[in-house]
Amino acid sequence: MGILERLLKLKPNEKVLTLPRNGDVQFAHANISLAQMELGYKPTTDLLIGLKKFVKWYLSY
């Protein structure tokens, strides 16, 4: 069970697609090293806390 699924108490409507054969990666991760170096960016919110805040905002919107 995923984090948003637990927080929203909803079962997702999943649609599984085959990956393209052109070499696209399945997962990518942001590289924030330039923002850290140039702007002094230091994220302080972990994924679970951030998603909890997002869901709270979303449900109240």
PDB file of N, CA and C in Angstrom:
ATOM      1  N   MET A   1       0.856  -1.175   0.000  1.00  0.00           N
ATOM      2  CA  MET A   1       0.000   0.000   0.000  1.00  0.00           C
ATOM      3  C   MET A   1       0.903   1.239   0.000  1.00  0.00           C
ATOM      4  N   GLY A   2       0.627   2.183  -0.903  1.00  0.00           N
ATOM      5  CA  GLY A   2       1.426   3.388  -1.016  1.00  0.00           C
ATOM      6  C   GLY A   2       1.054   4.443   0.011  1.00  0.00           C
ATOM      7  N   ILE A   3       1.921   5.427   0.152  1.00  0.00           N
ATOM      8  CA  ILE A   3       1.718   6.480   1.151  1.00  0.00           C
ATOM      9  C   ILE A   3       0.430   7.252   0.875  1.00  0.00           C
ATOM     10  N   LEU A   4       0.238   7.734  -0.358  1.00  0.00           N
ATOM     11  CA  LEU A   4      -0.984   8.500  -0.661  1.00  0.00           C
ATOM     12  C   LEU A   4      -2.229   7.640  -0.519  1.00  0.00           C
ATOM     13  N   GLU A   5      -2.116   6.382  -0.889  1.00  0.00           N
ATOM     14  CA  GLU A   5      -3.253   5.471  -0.746  1.00  0.00           C
ATOM     15  C   GLU A   5      -3.674   5.374   0.716  1.00  0.00           C
ATOM     16  N   ARG A   6      -2.704   5.274   1.615  1.00  0.00           N
ATOM     17  CA  ARG A   6      -3.014   5.208   3.051  1.00  0.00           C
ATOM     18  C   ARG A   6      -3.572   6.530   3.560  1.00  0.00           C
ATOM     19  N   LEU A   7      -2.955   7.639   3.167  1.00  0.00           N
ATOM     20  CA  LEU A   7      -3.386   8.946   3.673  1.00  0.00           C
ATOM     21  C   LEU A   7      -4.777   9.324   3.175  1.00  0.00           C
ATOM     22  N   LEU A   8      -5.085   9.002   1.926  1.00  0.00           N
ATOM     23  CA  LEU A   8      -6.391   9.349   1.357  1.00  0.00           C
ATOM     24  C   LEU A   8      -7.449   8.283   1.603  1.00  0.00           C
ATOM     25  N   LYS A   9      -7.002   7.122   2.079  1.00  0.00           N
ATOM     26  CA  LYS A   9      -7.901   5.988   2.314  1.00  0.00           C
ATOM     27  C   LYS A   9      -8.678   5.636   1.049  1.00  0.00           C
ATOM     28  N   LEU A  10      -7.954   5.622  -0.080  1.00  0.00           N
ATOM     29  CA  LEU A  10      -8.530   5.287  -1.370  1.00  0.00           C
ATOM     30  C   LEU A  10      -7.697   4.224  -2.064  1.00  0.00           C
ATOM     31  N   LYS A  11      -8.342   3.375  -2.805  1.00  0.00           N
ATOM     32  CA  LYS A  11      -7.651   2.393  -3.626  1.00  0.00           C
ATOM     33  C   LYS A  11      -7.468   3.014  -5.005  1.00  0.00           C
ATOM     34  N   PRO A  12      -6.235   3.046  -5.511  1.00  0.00           N
ATOM     35  CA  PRO A  12      -6.010   3.687  -6.810  1.00  0.00           C
ATOM     36  C   PRO A  12      -6.587   2.874  -7.963  1.00  0.00           C
ATOM     37  N   ASN A  13      -6.960   3.570  -9.007  1.00  0.00           N
ATOM     38  CA  ASN A  13      -7.384   2.933 -10.239  1.00  0.00           C
ATOM     39  C   ASN A  13      -6.118   2.786 -11.095  1.00  0.00           C
ATOM     40  N   GLU A  14      -5.461   1.636 -10.973  1.00  0.00           N
ATOM     41  CA  GLU A  14      -4.163   1.450 -11.610  1.00  0.00           C
ATOM     42  C   GLU A  14      -4.298   1.033 -13.063  1.00  0.00           C
ATOM     43  N   LYS A  15      -3.434   1.595 -13.870  1.00  0.00           N
ATOM     44  CA  LYS A  15      -3.366   1.228 -15.282  1.00  0.00           C
ATOM     45  C   LYS A  15      -1.901   0.937 -15.588  1.00  0.00           C
ATOM     46  N   VAL A  16      -1.585  -0.313 -15.829  1.00  0.00           N
ATOM     47  CA  VAL A  16      -0.206  -0.723 -16.052  1.00  0.00           C
ATOM     48  C   VAL A  16       0.093  -0.637 -17.546  1.00  0.00           C
ATOM     49  N   LEU A  17       1.161   0.086 -17.859  1.00  0.00           N
ATOM     50  CA  LEU A  17       1.575   0.253 -19.247  1.00  0.00           C
ATOM     51  C   LEU A  17       2.946  -0.365 -19.445  1.00  0.00           C
ATOM     52  N   THR A  18       3.196  -0.860 -20.625  1.00  0.00           N
ATOM     53  CA  THR A  18       4.523  -1.379 -20.914  1.00  0.00           C
ATOM     54  C   THR A  18       5.467  -0.210 -21.153  1.00  0.00           C
ATOM     55  N   LEU A  19       6.717  -0.410 -20.795  1.00  0.00           N
ATOM     56  CA  LEU A  19       7.708   0.645 -20.967  1.00  0.00           C
ATOM     57  C   LEU A  19       8.103   0.771 -22.430  1.00  0.00           C
ATOM     58  N   PRO A  20       8.412   1.981 -22.864  1.00  0.00           N
ATOM     59  CA  PRO A  20       8.857   2.160 -24.249  1.00  0.00           C
ATOM     60  C   PRO A  20      10.217   1.513 -24.459  1.00  0.00           C
ATOM     61  N   ARG A  21      10.510   1.154 -25.690  1.00  0.00           N
ATOM     62  CA  ARG A  21      11.765   0.485 -25.998  1.00  0.00           C
ATOM     63  C   ARG A  21      12.874   1.467 -26.353  1.00  0.00           C
ATOM     64  N   ASN A  22      12.629   2.761 -26.180  1.00  0.00           N
ATOM     65  CA  ASN A  22      13.604   3.758 -26.600  1.00  0.00           C
ATOM     66  C   ASN A  22      14.624   4.103 -25.524  1.00  0.00           C
ATOM     67  N   GLY A  23      14.674   3.344 -24.451  1.00  0.00           N
ATOM     68  CA  GLY A  23      15.676   3.575 -23.427  1.00  0.00           C
ATOM     69  C   GLY A  23      15.226   4.497 -22.307  1.00  0.00           C
ATOM     70  N   ASP A  24      13.958   4.905 -22.294  1.00  0.00           N
ATOM     71  CA  ASP A  24      13.485   5.742 -21.187  1.00  0.00           C
ATOM     72  C   ASP A  24      13.641   4.982 -19.872  1.00  0.00           C
ATOM     73  N   VAL A  25      14.077   5.683 -18.846  1.00  0.00           N
ATOM     74  CA  VAL A  25      14.246   5.048 -17.547  1.00  0.00           C
ATOM     75  C   VAL A  25      12.911   4.952 -16.835  1.00  0.00           C
ATOM     76  N   GLN A  26      12.775   3.931 -16.015  1.00  0.00           N
ATOM     77  CA  GLN A  26      11.523   3.735 -15.290  1.00  0.00           C
ATOM     78  C   GLN A  26      11.398   4.723 -14.144  1.00  0.00           C
ATOM     79  N   PHE A  27      12.490   5.027 -13.480  1.00  0.00           N
ATOM     80  CA  PHE A  27      12.474   5.956 -12.367  1.00  0.00           C
ATOM     81  C   PHE A  27      13.596   6.968 -12.540  1.00  0.00           C
ATOM     82  N   ALA A  28      13.349   8.197 -12.152  1.00  0.00           N
ATOM     83  CA  ALA A  28      14.382   9.232 -12.177  1.00  0.00           C
ATOM     84  C   ALA A  28      14.333   9.968 -10.834  1.00  0.00           C
ATOM     85  N   HIS A  29      15.457  10.443 -10.421  1.00  0.00           N
ATOM     86  CA  HIS A  29      15.526  11.171  -9.159  1.00  0.00           C
ATOM     87  C   HIS A  29      16.147  12.531  -9.429  1.00  0.00           C
ATOM     88  N   ALA A  30      15.587  13.550  -8.823  1.00  0.00           N
ATOM     89  CA  ALA A  30      16.087  14.909  -9.019  1.00  0.00           C
ATOM     90  C   ALA A  30      17.483  15.042  -8.419  1.00  0.00           C
ATOM     91  N   ASN A  31      18.313  15.786  -9.106  1.00  0.00           N
ATOM     92  CA  ASN A  31      19.643  16.105  -8.596  1.00  0.00           C
ATOM     93  C   ASN A  31      19.588  17.555  -8.136  1.00  0.00           C
ATOM     94  N   ILE A  32      19.622  17.757  -6.817  1.00  0.00           N
ATOM     95  CA  ILE A  32      19.486  19.105  -6.266  1.00  0.00           C
ATOM     96  C   ILE A  32      20.835  19.705  -5.883  1.00  0.00           C
ATOM     97  N   SER A  33      21.917  19.069  -6.306  1.00  0.00           N
ATOM     98  CA  SER A  33      23.242  19.539  -5.884  1.00  0.00           C
ATOM     99  C   SER A  33      23.526  20.966  -6.349  1.00  0.00           C
ATOM    100  N   LEU A  34      23.087  21.347  -7.548  1.00  0.00           N
ATOM    101  CA  LEU A  34      23.313  22.711  -8.025  1.00  0.00           C
ATOM    102  C   LEU A  34      22.528  23.717  -7.173  1.00  0.00           C
ATOM    103  N   ALA A  35      21.274  23.395  -6.853  1.00  0.00           N
ATOM    104  CA  ALA A  35      20.475  24.277  -6.002  1.00  0.00           C
ATOM    105  C   ALA A  35      21.095  24.382  -4.605  1.00  0.00           C
ATOM    106  N   GLN A  36      21.648  23.292  -4.116  1.00  0.00           N
ATOM    107  CA  GLN A  36      22.321  23.329  -2.816  1.00  0.00           C
ATOM    108  C   GLN A  36      23.540  24.240  -2.875  1.00  0.00           C
ATOM    109  N   MET A  37      24.324  24.079  -3.942  1.00  0.00           N
ATOM    110  CA  MET A  37      25.559  24.841  -4.070  1.00  0.00           C
ATOM    111  C   MET A  37      25.291  26.319  -4.349  1.00  0.00           C
ATOM    112  N   GLU A  38      24.416  26.614  -5.303  1.00  0.00           N
ATOM    113  CA  GLU A  38      24.181  27.992  -5.734  1.00  0.00           C
ATOM    114  C   GLU A  38      23.244  28.774  -4.805  1.00  0.00           C
ATOM    115  N   LEU A  39      22.246  28.104  -4.264  1.00  0.00           N
ATOM    116  CA  LEU A  39      21.217  28.798  -3.488  1.00  0.00           C
ATOM    117  C   LEU A  39      21.235  28.468  -2.000  1.00  0.00           C
ATOM    118  N   GLY A  40      22.062  27.497  -1.626  1.00  0.00           N
ATOM    119  CA  GLY A  40      22.074  27.075  -0.233  1.00  0.00           C
ATOM    120  C   GLY A  40      20.820  26.295   0.140  1.00  0.00           C
ATOM    121  N   TYR A  41      20.161  25.691  -0.861  1.00  0.00           N
ATOM    122  CA  TYR A  41      18.918  24.947  -0.635  1.00  0.00           C
ATOM    123  C   TYR A  41      19.193  23.692   0.180  1.00  0.00           C
ATOM    124  N   LYS A  42      18.456  23.549   1.285  1.00  0.00           N
ATOM    125  CA  LYS A  42      18.589  22.375   2.144  1.00  0.00           C
ATOM    126  C   LYS A  42      17.187  21.916   2.538  1.00  0.00           C
ATOM    127  N   PRO A  43      16.629  20.945   1.805  1.00  0.00           N
ATOM    128  CA  PRO A  43      15.277  20.488   2.133  1.00  0.00           C
ATOM    129  C   PRO A  43      15.209  19.932   3.551  1.00  0.00           C
ATOM    130  N   THR A  44      14.115  20.245   4.235  1.00  0.00           N
ATOM    131  CA  THR A  44      13.968  19.802   5.624  1.00  0.00           C
ATOM    132  C   THR A  44      12.721  18.951   5.838  1.00  0.00           C
ATOM    133  N   THR A  45      11.897  18.803   4.828  1.00  0.00           N
ATOM    134  CA  THR A  45      10.667  18.022   4.959  1.00  0.00           C
ATOM    135  C   THR A  45      10.847  16.691   4.249  1.00  0.00           C
ATOM    136  N   ASP A  46      10.631  15.591   4.975  1.00  0.00           N
ATOM    137  CA  ASP A  46      10.735  14.291   4.319  1.00  0.00           C
ATOM    138  C   ASP A  46       9.443  13.984   3.557  1.00  0.00           C
ATOM    139  N   LEU A  47       9.474  12.946   2.769  1.00  0.00           N
ATOM    140  CA  LEU A  47       8.355  12.618   1.879  1.00  0.00           C
ATOM    141  C   LEU A  47       7.050  12.404   2.641  1.00  0.00           C
ATOM    142  N   LEU A  48       7.076  11.610   3.691  1.00  0.00           N
ATOM    143  CA  LEU A  48       5.845  11.308   4.430  1.00  0.00           C
ATOM    144  C   LEU A  48       5.229  12.570   5.027  1.00  0.00           C
ATOM    145  N   ILE A  49       6.042  13.400   5.664  1.00  0.00           N
ATOM    146  CA  ILE A  49       5.527  14.652   6.260  1.00  0.00           C
ATOM    147  C   ILE A  49       4.973  15.560   5.168  1.00  0.00           C
ATOM    148  N   GLY A  50       5.695  15.697   4.064  1.00  0.00           N
ATOM    149  CA  GLY A  50       5.246  16.545   2.962  1.00  0.00           C
ATOM    150  C   GLY A  50       3.936  16.071   2.363  1.00  0.00           C
ATOM    151  N   LEU A  51       3.807  14.752   2.182  1.00  0.00           N
ATOM    152  CA  LEU A  51       2.560  14.217   1.628  1.00  0.00           C
ATOM    153  C   LEU A  51       1.403  14.386   2.604  1.00  0.00           C
ATOM    154  N   LYS A  52       1.662  14.232   3.879  1.00  0.00           N
ATOM    155  CA  LYS A  52       0.600  14.459   4.880  1.00  0.00           C
ATOM    156  C   LYS A  52       0.098  15.898   4.795  1.00  0.00           C
ATOM    157  N   LYS A  53       1.021  16.849   4.696  1.00  0.00           N
ATOM    158  CA  LYS A  53       0.635  18.258   4.585  1.00  0.00           C
ATOM    159  C   LYS A  53      -0.133  18.507   3.290  1.00  0.00           C
ATOM    160  N   PHE A  54       0.315  17.904   2.199  1.00  0.00           N
ATOM    161  CA  PHE A  54      -0.367  18.069   0.912  1.00  0.00           C
ATOM    162  C   PHE A  54      -1.790  17.520   0.976  1.00  0.00           C
ATOM    163  N   VAL A  55      -1.949  16.328   1.527  1.00  0.00           N
ATOM    164  CA  VAL A  55      -3.279  15.704   1.609  1.00  0.00           C
ATOM    165  C   VAL A  55      -4.203  16.555   2.482  1.00  0.00           C
ATOM    166  N   LYS A  56      -3.698  17.062   3.586  1.00  0.00           N
ATOM    167  CA  LYS A  56      -4.506  17.928   4.461  1.00  0.00           C
ATOM    168  C   LYS A  56      -4.977  19.164   3.684  1.00  0.00           C
ATOM    169  N   TRP A  57      -4.041  19.799   2.949  1.00  0.00           N
ATOM    170  CA  TRP A  57      -4.401  20.960   2.147  1.00  0.00           C
ATOM    171  C   TRP A  57      -5.402  20.560   1.053  1.00  0.00           C
ATOM    172  N   TYR A  58      -5.130  19.486   0.351  1.00  0.00           N
ATOM    173  CA  TYR A  58      -5.974  19.043  -0.768  1.00  0.00           C
ATOM    174  C   TYR A  58      -7.404  18.767  -0.321  1.00  0.00           C
ATOM    175  N   LEU A  59      -7.542  18.073   0.783  1.00  0.00           N
ATOM    176  CA  LEU A  59      -8.887  17.716   1.271  1.00  0.00           C
ATOM    177  C   LEU A  59      -9.655  18.928   1.787  1.00  0.00           C
ATOM    178  N   SER A  60      -8.935  19.963   2.215  1.00  0.00           N
ATOM    179  CA  SER A  60      -9.622  21.165   2.694  1.00  0.00           C
ATOM    180  C   SER A  60      -9.903  22.164   1.569  1.00  0.00           C
ATOM    181  N   TYR A  61      -9.346  21.937   0.388  1.00  0.00           N
ATOM    182  CA  TYR A  61      -9.469  22.870  -0.731  1.00  0.00           C
ATOM    183  C   TYR A  61     -10.816  22.845  -1.368  1.00  0.00           C
TER     184      TYR A  61
END
